[in-house]
Amino acid sequence: MEGCSHSYPAVVVAQKSEIPVGAFKIFSYPEEINPCLLLHPDENTFVAYSRICTHTSCPVHYQAEANRIFCPCHGGVFSVADGSVLAGPPPRPLPRITLEQRGNDLVAVGIVKT
């Protein structure tokens, strides 16, 4: 919620070297019950989002060849760049996991919900 302060843990979710360009990793953050997607869409970019569709909570999938995040339940499509809704019924963007690069570590440090 906007205006609410929430403290999130800093958690190493991957090593940069373990995820080639065009690949992804599924991880949990901030707790084990919260599935997320870590994407490496281009050489200099890592992004992460909740893996739960904002429409009916189905798991979303990364489609590198189409450069999109897709929900197979009702055809929702999200932007890799910012998690925004590109098509389908989802009412909101995917929550974005804030990442920091610390050496070779990719560290989740927060969640941005819009």
N, C-alpha and C. Protein backbone atom coordinates (compact mmCIF):
# COMPACT_ATOMS: atom_id res chain seq x y z
N MET A 1 0.83 -1.18 0.00
CA MET A 1 0.00 0.00 0.00
C MET A 1 0.87 1.24 0.00
N GLU A 2 0.47 2.23 -0.74
CA GLU A 2 1.22 3.46 -0.76
C GLU A 2 1.11 4.13 0.59
N GLY A 3 2.22 4.71 1.05
CA GLY A 3 2.21 5.38 2.33
C GLY A 3 2.54 4.45 3.48
N CYS A 4 2.51 3.15 3.27
CA CYS A 4 2.83 2.20 4.32
C CYS A 4 4.31 1.86 4.25
N SER A 5 4.94 1.78 5.39
CA SER A 5 6.34 1.41 5.44
C SER A 5 6.43 -0.08 5.77
N HIS A 6 7.19 -0.79 4.98
CA HIS A 6 7.35 -2.22 5.20
C HIS A 6 8.82 -2.56 5.07
N SER A 7 9.32 -3.33 5.98
CA SER A 7 10.72 -3.72 5.93
C SER A 7 10.83 -5.11 5.31
N TYR A 8 11.67 -5.22 4.30
CA TYR A 8 11.88 -6.50 3.63
C TYR A 8 13.29 -6.99 3.90
N PRO A 9 13.47 -8.31 3.95
CA PRO A 9 14.81 -8.84 4.17
C PRO A 9 15.67 -8.71 2.91
N ALA A 10 16.97 -8.67 3.09
CA ALA A 10 17.91 -8.75 1.96
C ALA A 10 18.28 -10.22 1.81
N VAL A 11 17.95 -10.80 0.63
CA VAL A 11 18.16 -12.23 0.41
C VAL A 11 18.88 -12.43 -0.92
N VAL A 12 19.99 -13.16 -0.90
CA VAL A 12 20.67 -13.52 -2.14
C VAL A 12 19.79 -14.54 -2.85
N VAL A 13 19.34 -14.20 -4.08
CA VAL A 13 18.43 -15.09 -4.80
C VAL A 13 19.12 -15.82 -5.95
N ALA A 14 20.30 -15.33 -6.36
CA ALA A 14 21.03 -15.99 -7.45
C ALA A 14 22.42 -15.39 -7.57
N GLN A 15 23.24 -16.08 -8.33
CA GLN A 15 24.52 -15.56 -8.77
C GLN A 15 24.33 -15.11 -10.21
N LYS A 16 24.86 -13.94 -10.57
CA LYS A 16 24.71 -13.45 -11.94
C LYS A 16 25.19 -14.48 -12.96
N SER A 17 26.27 -15.16 -12.63
CA SER A 17 26.89 -16.11 -13.56
C SER A 17 26.05 -17.36 -13.80
N GLU A 18 25.06 -17.63 -12.96
CA GLU A 18 24.27 -18.86 -13.13
C GLU A 18 23.08 -18.69 -14.07
N ILE A 19 22.80 -17.44 -14.50
CA ILE A 19 21.64 -17.20 -15.35
C ILE A 19 22.10 -16.55 -16.65
N PRO A 20 22.20 -17.33 -17.74
CA PRO A 20 22.61 -16.75 -19.02
C PRO A 20 21.55 -15.79 -19.57
N VAL A 21 21.96 -14.94 -20.50
CA VAL A 21 21.02 -14.03 -21.16
C VAL A 21 19.90 -14.87 -21.79
N GLY A 22 18.65 -14.44 -21.56
CA GLY A 22 17.48 -15.14 -22.10
C GLY A 22 16.95 -16.21 -21.16
N ALA A 23 17.64 -16.42 -20.05
CA ALA A 23 17.22 -17.46 -19.10
C ALA A 23 16.49 -16.82 -17.92
N PHE A 24 15.99 -17.68 -17.03
CA PHE A 24 15.26 -17.23 -15.85
C PHE A 24 15.52 -18.19 -14.70
N LYS A 25 15.13 -17.75 -13.53
CA LYS A 25 15.19 -18.60 -12.34
C LYS A 25 13.94 -18.32 -11.51
N ILE A 26 13.36 -19.37 -10.97
CA ILE A 26 12.24 -19.24 -10.04
C ILE A 26 12.82 -19.24 -8.63
N PHE A 27 12.36 -18.30 -7.81
CA PHE A 27 12.81 -18.23 -6.42
C PHE A 27 11.62 -17.76 -5.58
N SER A 28 11.80 -17.71 -4.28
CA SER A 28 10.75 -17.25 -3.38
C SER A 28 11.23 -16.00 -2.64
N TYR A 29 10.31 -15.02 -2.49
CA TYR A 29 10.64 -13.80 -1.76
C TYR A 29 9.36 -13.05 -1.44
N PRO A 30 9.20 -12.49 -0.26
CA PRO A 30 10.14 -12.51 0.85
C PRO A 30 10.07 -13.78 1.70
N GLU A 31 9.04 -14.60 1.44
CA GLU A 31 8.91 -15.87 2.17
C GLU A 31 8.77 -17.01 1.18
N GLU A 32 8.88 -18.24 1.65
CA GLU A 32 8.80 -19.43 0.79
C GLU A 32 7.47 -19.54 0.06
N ILE A 33 6.42 -18.93 0.58
CA ILE A 33 5.09 -19.03 -0.04
C ILE A 33 4.89 -18.01 -1.16
N ASN A 34 5.92 -17.18 -1.45
CA ASN A 34 5.81 -16.12 -2.46
C ASN A 34 6.72 -16.41 -3.65
N PRO A 35 6.20 -17.13 -4.68
CA PRO A 35 7.03 -17.45 -5.85
C PRO A 35 7.31 -16.22 -6.71
N CYS A 36 8.52 -16.17 -7.23
CA CYS A 36 8.96 -15.04 -8.06
C CYS A 36 9.74 -15.55 -9.26
N LEU A 37 9.87 -14.67 -10.26
CA LEU A 37 10.67 -14.95 -11.46
C LEU A 37 11.81 -13.96 -11.53
N LEU A 38 13.02 -14.46 -11.71
CA LEU A 38 14.19 -13.62 -11.96
C LEU A 38 14.55 -13.80 -13.42
N LEU A 39 14.59 -12.70 -14.18
CA LEU A 39 14.82 -12.75 -15.62
C LEU A 39 16.13 -12.06 -15.98
N HIS A 40 16.78 -12.55 -17.02
CA HIS A 40 17.99 -11.93 -17.56
C HIS A 40 17.74 -11.67 -19.05
N PRO A 41 16.94 -10.64 -19.35
CA PRO A 41 16.52 -10.42 -20.73
C PRO A 41 17.61 -9.91 -21.68
N ASP A 42 18.61 -9.20 -21.15
CA ASP A 42 19.72 -8.77 -21.99
C ASP A 42 21.00 -8.70 -21.15
N GLU A 43 22.10 -8.45 -21.82
CA GLU A 43 23.42 -8.53 -21.19
C GLU A 43 23.54 -7.76 -19.88
N ASN A 44 22.95 -6.58 -19.80
CA ASN A 44 23.14 -5.72 -18.63
C ASN A 44 21.93 -5.63 -17.71
N THR A 45 20.93 -6.47 -17.91
CA THR A 45 19.68 -6.32 -17.17
C THR A 45 19.26 -7.60 -16.45
N PHE A 46 18.94 -7.44 -15.18
CA PHE A 46 18.26 -8.48 -14.41
C PHE A 46 17.02 -7.82 -13.82
N VAL A 47 15.87 -8.46 -13.93
CA VAL A 47 14.63 -7.97 -13.32
C VAL A 47 13.93 -9.14 -12.65
N ALA A 48 13.11 -8.82 -11.66
CA ALA A 48 12.38 -9.88 -10.95
C ALA A 48 10.97 -9.39 -10.62
N TYR A 49 10.03 -10.32 -10.70
CA TYR A 49 8.63 -10.03 -10.42
C TYR A 49 7.99 -11.17 -9.64
N SER A 50 6.87 -10.86 -9.00
CA SER A 50 6.05 -11.91 -8.43
C SER A 50 5.64 -12.84 -9.57
N ARG A 51 5.54 -14.12 -9.27
CA ARG A 51 5.13 -15.09 -10.29
C ARG A 51 3.62 -15.31 -10.27
N ILE A 52 2.91 -14.54 -9.48
CA ILE A 52 1.46 -14.70 -9.33
C ILE A 52 0.73 -13.64 -10.15
N CYS A 53 -0.05 -14.08 -11.13
CA CYS A 53 -0.81 -13.16 -11.97
C CYS A 53 -1.77 -12.34 -11.12
N THR A 54 -1.90 -11.07 -11.46
CA THR A 54 -2.78 -10.17 -10.72
C THR A 54 -4.25 -10.34 -11.08
N HIS A 55 -4.55 -11.26 -11.99
CA HIS A 55 -5.94 -11.53 -12.38
C HIS A 55 -6.56 -12.57 -11.47
N THR A 56 -6.12 -13.82 -11.58
CA THR A 56 -6.70 -14.88 -10.74
C THR A 56 -5.64 -15.73 -10.04
N SER A 57 -4.46 -15.15 -9.87
CA SER A 57 -3.37 -15.78 -9.10
C SER A 57 -2.77 -17.04 -9.73
N CYS A 58 -2.90 -17.19 -11.04
CA CYS A 58 -2.24 -18.30 -11.74
C CYS A 58 -0.74 -17.98 -11.84
N PRO A 59 0.11 -19.01 -11.95
CA PRO A 59 1.53 -18.75 -12.12
C PRO A 59 1.84 -18.27 -13.54
N VAL A 60 2.65 -17.21 -13.63
CA VAL A 60 3.05 -16.69 -14.93
C VAL A 60 4.36 -17.33 -15.38
N HIS A 61 4.64 -17.24 -16.67
CA HIS A 61 5.82 -17.87 -17.27
C HIS A 61 6.57 -16.85 -18.13
N TYR A 62 7.89 -16.94 -18.12
CA TYR A 62 8.72 -16.09 -18.96
C TYR A 62 8.85 -16.72 -20.33
N GLN A 63 8.58 -15.94 -21.36
CA GLN A 63 8.74 -16.39 -22.74
C GLN A 63 9.81 -15.50 -23.38
N ALA A 64 11.06 -15.95 -23.27
CA ALA A 64 12.19 -15.15 -23.74
C ALA A 64 12.10 -14.85 -25.23
N GLU A 65 11.66 -15.83 -26.03
CA GLU A 65 11.59 -15.64 -27.48
C GLU A 65 10.62 -14.54 -27.87
N ALA A 66 9.60 -14.31 -27.05
CA ALA A 66 8.61 -13.25 -27.31
C ALA A 66 8.86 -12.02 -26.44
N ASN A 67 9.87 -12.08 -25.56
CA ASN A 67 10.20 -11.00 -24.63
C ASN A 67 8.97 -10.55 -23.85
N ARG A 68 8.32 -11.54 -23.22
CA ARG A 68 7.13 -11.22 -22.43
C ARG A 68 6.98 -12.20 -21.28
N ILE A 69 6.12 -11.84 -20.36
CA ILE A 69 5.71 -12.71 -19.26
C ILE A 69 4.24 -13.04 -19.55
N PHE A 70 3.93 -14.33 -19.56
CA PHE A 70 2.62 -14.79 -20.03
C PHE A 70 1.90 -15.58 -18.94
N CYS A 71 0.61 -15.34 -18.82
CA CYS A 71 -0.23 -16.14 -17.93
C CYS A 71 -1.12 -17.02 -18.80
N PRO A 72 -0.94 -18.35 -18.72
CA PRO A 72 -1.69 -19.25 -19.59
C PRO A 72 -3.16 -19.42 -19.19
N CYS A 73 -3.54 -19.01 -18.00
CA CYS A 73 -4.92 -19.24 -17.56
C CYS A 73 -5.94 -18.45 -18.38
N HIS A 74 -5.68 -17.16 -18.60
CA HIS A 74 -6.64 -16.32 -19.33
C HIS A 74 -5.96 -15.41 -20.34
N GLY A 75 -4.72 -15.71 -20.69
CA GLY A 75 -4.04 -14.96 -21.75
C GLY A 75 -3.46 -13.63 -21.35
N GLY A 76 -3.22 -13.42 -20.08
CA GLY A 76 -2.60 -12.17 -19.64
C GLY A 76 -1.16 -12.08 -20.12
N VAL A 77 -0.74 -10.88 -20.51
CA VAL A 77 0.63 -10.65 -20.97
C VAL A 77 1.18 -9.44 -20.23
N PHE A 78 2.41 -9.60 -19.72
CA PHE A 78 3.06 -8.54 -18.96
C PHE A 78 4.39 -8.17 -19.61
N SER A 79 4.80 -6.93 -19.44
CA SER A 79 6.07 -6.42 -19.95
C SER A 79 7.24 -6.95 -19.12
N VAL A 80 8.29 -7.38 -19.80
CA VAL A 80 9.52 -7.78 -19.12
C VAL A 80 10.19 -6.54 -18.52
N ALA A 81 10.09 -5.41 -19.19
CA ALA A 81 10.78 -4.19 -18.76
C ALA A 81 10.29 -3.65 -17.42
N ASP A 82 8.96 -3.67 -17.22
CA ASP A 82 8.43 -3.05 -16.00
C ASP A 82 7.27 -3.80 -15.35
N GLY A 83 6.88 -4.95 -15.88
CA GLY A 83 5.79 -5.73 -15.29
C GLY A 83 4.40 -5.22 -15.62
N SER A 84 4.30 -4.19 -16.46
CA SER A 84 2.99 -3.62 -16.79
C SER A 84 2.17 -4.59 -17.64
N VAL A 85 0.87 -4.41 -17.61
CA VAL A 85 -0.05 -5.26 -18.37
C VAL A 85 -0.02 -4.82 -19.84
N LEU A 86 0.25 -5.77 -20.73
CA LEU A 86 0.26 -5.50 -22.16
C LEU A 86 -1.00 -6.00 -22.85
N ALA A 87 -1.61 -7.05 -22.31
CA ALA A 87 -2.82 -7.62 -22.91
C ALA A 87 -3.54 -8.50 -21.90
N GLY A 88 -4.82 -8.71 -22.16
CA GLY A 88 -5.60 -9.63 -21.35
C GLY A 88 -6.26 -8.97 -20.16
N PRO A 89 -6.79 -9.80 -19.28
CA PRO A 89 -7.61 -9.29 -18.19
C PRO A 89 -6.90 -8.84 -16.90
N PRO A 90 -5.59 -9.03 -16.71
CA PRO A 90 -5.02 -8.62 -15.42
C PRO A 90 -5.28 -7.13 -15.13
N PRO A 91 -5.74 -6.82 -13.91
CA PRO A 91 -6.09 -5.45 -13.56
C PRO A 91 -4.90 -4.58 -13.15
N ARG A 92 -3.78 -5.20 -12.78
CA ARG A 92 -2.62 -4.47 -12.28
C ARG A 92 -1.33 -5.08 -12.79
N PRO A 93 -0.25 -4.29 -12.79
CA PRO A 93 1.06 -4.85 -13.14
C PRO A 93 1.48 -5.90 -12.11
N LEU A 94 2.47 -6.69 -12.49
CA LEU A 94 3.06 -7.64 -11.54
C LEU A 94 3.88 -6.86 -10.51
N PRO A 95 3.80 -7.22 -9.23
CA PRO A 95 4.69 -6.60 -8.25
C PRO A 95 6.15 -6.88 -8.63
N ARG A 96 6.97 -5.83 -8.57
CA ARG A 96 8.38 -5.95 -8.94
C ARG A 96 9.23 -6.16 -7.70
N ILE A 97 10.15 -7.09 -7.79
CA ILE A 97 11.09 -7.34 -6.71
C ILE A 97 12.29 -6.42 -6.94
N THR A 98 12.63 -5.62 -5.96
CA THR A 98 13.78 -4.73 -6.06
C THR A 98 15.05 -5.55 -5.89
N LEU A 99 15.95 -5.43 -6.88
CA LEU A 99 17.21 -6.18 -6.86
C LEU A 99 18.40 -5.24 -6.70
N GLU A 100 19.41 -5.72 -6.03
CA GLU A 100 20.70 -5.06 -5.98
C GLU A 100 21.74 -6.06 -6.44
N GLN A 101 22.73 -5.57 -7.20
CA GLN A 101 23.85 -6.41 -7.60
C GLN A 101 25.00 -6.12 -6.65
N ARG A 102 25.44 -7.15 -5.95
CA ARG A 102 26.55 -7.03 -5.00
C ARG A 102 27.62 -8.02 -5.43
N GLY A 103 28.55 -7.54 -6.25
CA GLY A 103 29.52 -8.45 -6.84
C GLY A 103 28.79 -9.38 -7.79
N ASN A 104 28.95 -10.69 -7.59
CA ASN A 104 28.26 -11.68 -8.41
C ASN A 104 26.87 -12.03 -7.86
N ASP A 105 26.54 -11.52 -6.68
CA ASP A 105 25.26 -11.83 -6.04
C ASP A 105 24.15 -10.92 -6.55
N LEU A 106 22.98 -11.51 -6.78
CA LEU A 106 21.75 -10.76 -7.03
C LEU A 106 20.94 -10.86 -5.75
N VAL A 107 20.65 -9.72 -5.15
CA VAL A 107 20.05 -9.68 -3.84
C VAL A 107 18.68 -9.00 -3.92
N ALA A 108 17.64 -9.70 -3.48
CA ALA A 108 16.30 -9.13 -3.38
C ALA A 108 16.26 -8.30 -2.10
N VAL A 109 15.77 -7.05 -2.21
CA VAL A 109 15.76 -6.17 -1.05
C VAL A 109 14.40 -5.53 -0.79
N GLY A 110 13.42 -5.77 -1.67
CA GLY A 110 12.12 -5.17 -1.46
C GLY A 110 11.13 -5.53 -2.55
N ILE A 111 9.91 -5.03 -2.41
CA ILE A 111 8.84 -5.26 -3.37
C ILE A 111 8.16 -3.93 -3.67
N VAL A 112 7.96 -3.66 -4.96
CA VAL A 112 7.25 -2.45 -5.38
C VAL A 112 5.94 -2.89 -5.99
N LYS A 113 4.84 -2.45 -5.38
CA LYS A 113 3.51 -2.76 -5.91
C LYS A 113 2.92 -1.48 -6.46
N THR A 114 2.36 -1.56 -7.67
CA THR A 114 1.75 -0.36 -8.25
C THR A 114 0.28 -0.57 -8.48
